[in-house]
Each structure stands twice: as C-alpha cells, then as structure tokens.
C-alpha cells in the first residue's frame, strides 16, 4: 500500500502561481511513477503531468505544457507540481496518484493504470 497526501491548493487570481505537493508513505516510493490529475465539477478526471520513477522522464498535458513543472525528491518521498500563469480553466480538484513500474523511465496518462490515489486538493483560479 502507498498512502498519498496532497497539499498546497488554494485560491489565486489569473496569472498567479501555486505549488502542489504530494507526500507518500508506505512502500518504496521510487518503485512508482507519480502522476497528477485534475477533475473539474461535472467533468472527467484528466491527466495533467507525470514523472517516472527516477525523474528520467516527464510528460505533460498540452494544456499545461510550459506552465506546469513536475519534479520529485525520492529521498523525501515527495512530488511537486509547480504551476505558473494559472488560468480559470485550471480550476479543479488536483489529485496525485502512484503507478508501480518496472521501467525507470516509462510513464502513462491512463487513469486506470494508477493504483493509489490521494484525497485531492482544490485549486481555484479567478479571473
């Protein structure tokens, strides 16, 4: 089992920044690729970003590329999502999730591939 806890959400004006953190406990953190997803009211949960087991690979949704940066610190069992130039359409509950991988560098965008999920943190961007 892996337990994930997100933090850092909040309310900002358009153009502002937030930094989300995902803290993990339980099994070996470096065995897992970690992804961020978001879900707006009435919509499906969408992929945002993912980082591979040892930070060798990252992948971003087109809508956040160039504005969001994902990073991880395996020594501290944390993954961070730095978000800049936030827009109202970024408003959603943000979730981190863990996907156990054999490969050090492969990642996936599919929600169903992730085994463990955090409880989510709300991000609200006003215009």
Foldseek 3Di string as FASTA:
>chain_A
DKAKAKDWADEEAQQAKIKMKIAIDDDQLLQWKKFKWWDDPPGDIFGAKIAFSVRPDMDGDPVQPPFWDWDDDSVRRMIMIIGGRDDQVVWTWMKMFIAGDPDRGDDDGDPVRTDDIYPTDTHGYHD
